[in-house]
């Protein structure tokens, strides 16, 4: 196996950094989607009007894609 790193320790440090970064990005996206989902539910339940519901739905759909 031909590694680009000088030794195993550096390889595992870089691997850990990559996984940690990915985990933080996914966690942040999930949190944002959950908060937007709450806004969408609130707009629908409180009958704030069709425009508020549409705006909340658009924000929610952006987080899903």
C-alpha atoms as a PDB file:
ATOM      1  CA  UNK A   1       0.000   0.000   0.000  1.00  0.00           C
ATOM      2  CA  UNK A   2       1.528   3.280  -1.123  1.00  0.00           C
ATOM      3  CA  UNK A   3       0.600   6.139   1.232  1.00  0.00           C
ATOM      4  CA  UNK A   4       1.294   9.785   0.492  1.00  0.00           C
ATOM      5  CA  UNK A   5       1.945  10.441   4.177  1.00  0.00           C
ATOM      6  CA  UNK A   6       5.345  10.045   5.813  1.00  0.00           C
ATOM      7  CA  UNK A   7       4.086   7.692   8.486  1.00  0.00           C
ATOM      8  CA  UNK A   8       0.968   6.048   9.869  1.00  0.00           C
ATOM      9  CA  UNK A   9       0.494   8.625  12.623  1.00  0.00           C
ATOM     10  CA  UNK A  10       0.165  11.473  10.125  1.00  0.00           C
ATOM     11  CA  UNK A  11      -2.152   9.355   7.980  1.00  0.00           C
ATOM     12  CA  UNK A  12      -4.530   8.709  10.886  1.00  0.00           C
ATOM     13  CA  UNK A  13      -4.408  12.357  11.983  1.00  0.00           C
ATOM     14  CA  UNK A  14      -5.461  13.465   8.501  1.00  0.00           C
ATOM     15  CA  UNK A  15      -8.126  10.777   8.344  1.00  0.00           C
ATOM     16  CA  UNK A  16      -9.540  11.883  11.708  1.00  0.00           C
ATOM     17  CA  UNK A  17      -9.586  15.531  10.579  1.00  0.00           C
ATOM     18  CA  UNK A  18     -11.501  14.599   7.437  1.00  0.00           C
ATOM     19  CA  UNK A  19     -14.110  12.594   9.358  1.00  0.00           C
ATOM     20  CA  UNK A  20     -14.454  15.253  12.066  1.00  0.00           C
ATOM     21  CA  UNK A  21     -14.964  17.986   9.474  1.00  0.00           C
ATOM     22  CA  UNK A  22     -17.605  15.939   7.658  1.00  0.00           C
ATOM     23  CA  UNK A  23     -19.375  15.144  10.935  1.00  0.00           C
ATOM     24  CA  UNK A  24     -19.540  18.824  11.909  1.00  0.00           C
ATOM     25  CA  UNK A  25     -20.885  19.823   8.485  1.00  0.00           C
ATOM     26  CA  UNK A  26     -23.595  17.163   8.561  1.00  0.00           C
ATOM     27  CA  UNK A  27     -24.535  18.056  12.152  1.00  0.00           C
ATOM     28  CA  UNK A  28     -24.839  21.749  11.302  1.00  0.00           C
ATOM     29  CA  UNK A  29     -27.033  20.996   8.275  1.00  0.00           C
ATOM     30  CA  UNK A  30     -29.303  18.726  10.322  1.00  0.00           C
ATOM     31  CA  UNK A  31     -29.708  21.366  13.025  1.00  0.00           C
ATOM     32  CA  UNK A  32     -30.565  24.071  10.484  1.00  0.00           C
ATOM     33  CA  UNK A  33     -33.148  21.817   8.809  1.00  0.00           C
ATOM     34  CA  UNK A  34     -34.779  21.023  12.163  1.00  0.00           C
ATOM     35  CA  UNK A  35     -35.049  24.709  13.096  1.00  0.00           C
ATOM     36  CA  UNK A  36     -36.551  25.567   9.698  1.00  0.00           C
ATOM     37  CA  UNK A  37     -38.993  22.672  10.051  1.00  0.00           C
ATOM     38  CA  UNK A  38     -40.192  24.170  13.346  1.00  0.00           C
ATOM     39  CA  UNK A  39     -40.762  27.523  11.621  1.00  0.00           C
ATOM     40  CA  UNK A  40     -42.754  25.804   8.881  1.00  0.00           C
ATOM     41  CA  UNK A  41     -44.912  23.967  11.420  1.00  0.00           C
ATOM     42  CA  UNK A  42     -45.489  27.166  13.399  1.00  0.00           C
ATOM     43  CA  UNK A  43     -46.524  29.094  10.280  1.00  0.00           C
ATOM     44  CA  UNK A  44     -49.007  26.381   9.326  1.00  0.00           C
ATOM     45  CA  UNK A  45     -50.470  26.001  12.831  1.00  0.00           C
ATOM     46  CA  UNK A  46     -50.777  29.670  13.720  1.00  0.00           C
ATOM     47  CA  UNK A  47     -52.421  30.594  10.408  1.00  0.00           C
ATOM     48  CA  UNK A  48     -50.039  33.457   9.795  1.00  0.00           C
ATOM     49  CA  UNK A  49     -51.172  33.617   6.231  1.00  0.00           C
ATOM     50  CA  UNK A  50     -50.350  31.969   2.981  1.00  0.00           C
ATOM     51  CA  UNK A  51     -47.283  34.113   2.290  1.00  0.00           C
ATOM     52  CA  UNK A  52     -45.624  33.198   5.625  1.00  0.00           C
ATOM     53  CA  UNK A  53     -46.259  29.522   4.979  1.00  0.00           C
ATOM     54  CA  UNK A  54     -44.780  29.749   1.461  1.00  0.00           C
ATOM     55  CA  UNK A  55     -41.659  31.548   2.731  1.00  0.00           C
ATOM     56  CA  UNK A  56     -41.156  28.978   5.494  1.00  0.00           C
ATOM     57  CA  UNK A  57     -41.683  26.112   3.043  1.00  0.00           C
ATOM     58  CA  UNK A  58     -39.095  27.528   0.639  1.00  0.00           C
ATOM     59  CA  UNK A  59     -36.532  27.794   3.433  1.00  0.00           C
ATOM     60  CA  UNK A  60     -37.301  24.232   4.506  1.00  0.00           C
ATOM     61  CA  UNK A  61     -36.958  22.853   0.977  1.00  0.00           C
ATOM     62  CA  UNK A  62     -33.551  24.541   0.570  1.00  0.00           C
ATOM     63  CA  UNK A  63     -32.241  22.568   3.550  1.00  0.00           C
ATOM     64  CA  UNK A  64     -33.513  19.302   2.107  1.00  0.00           C
ATOM     65  CA  UNK A  65     -31.587  19.659  -1.132  1.00  0.00           C
END
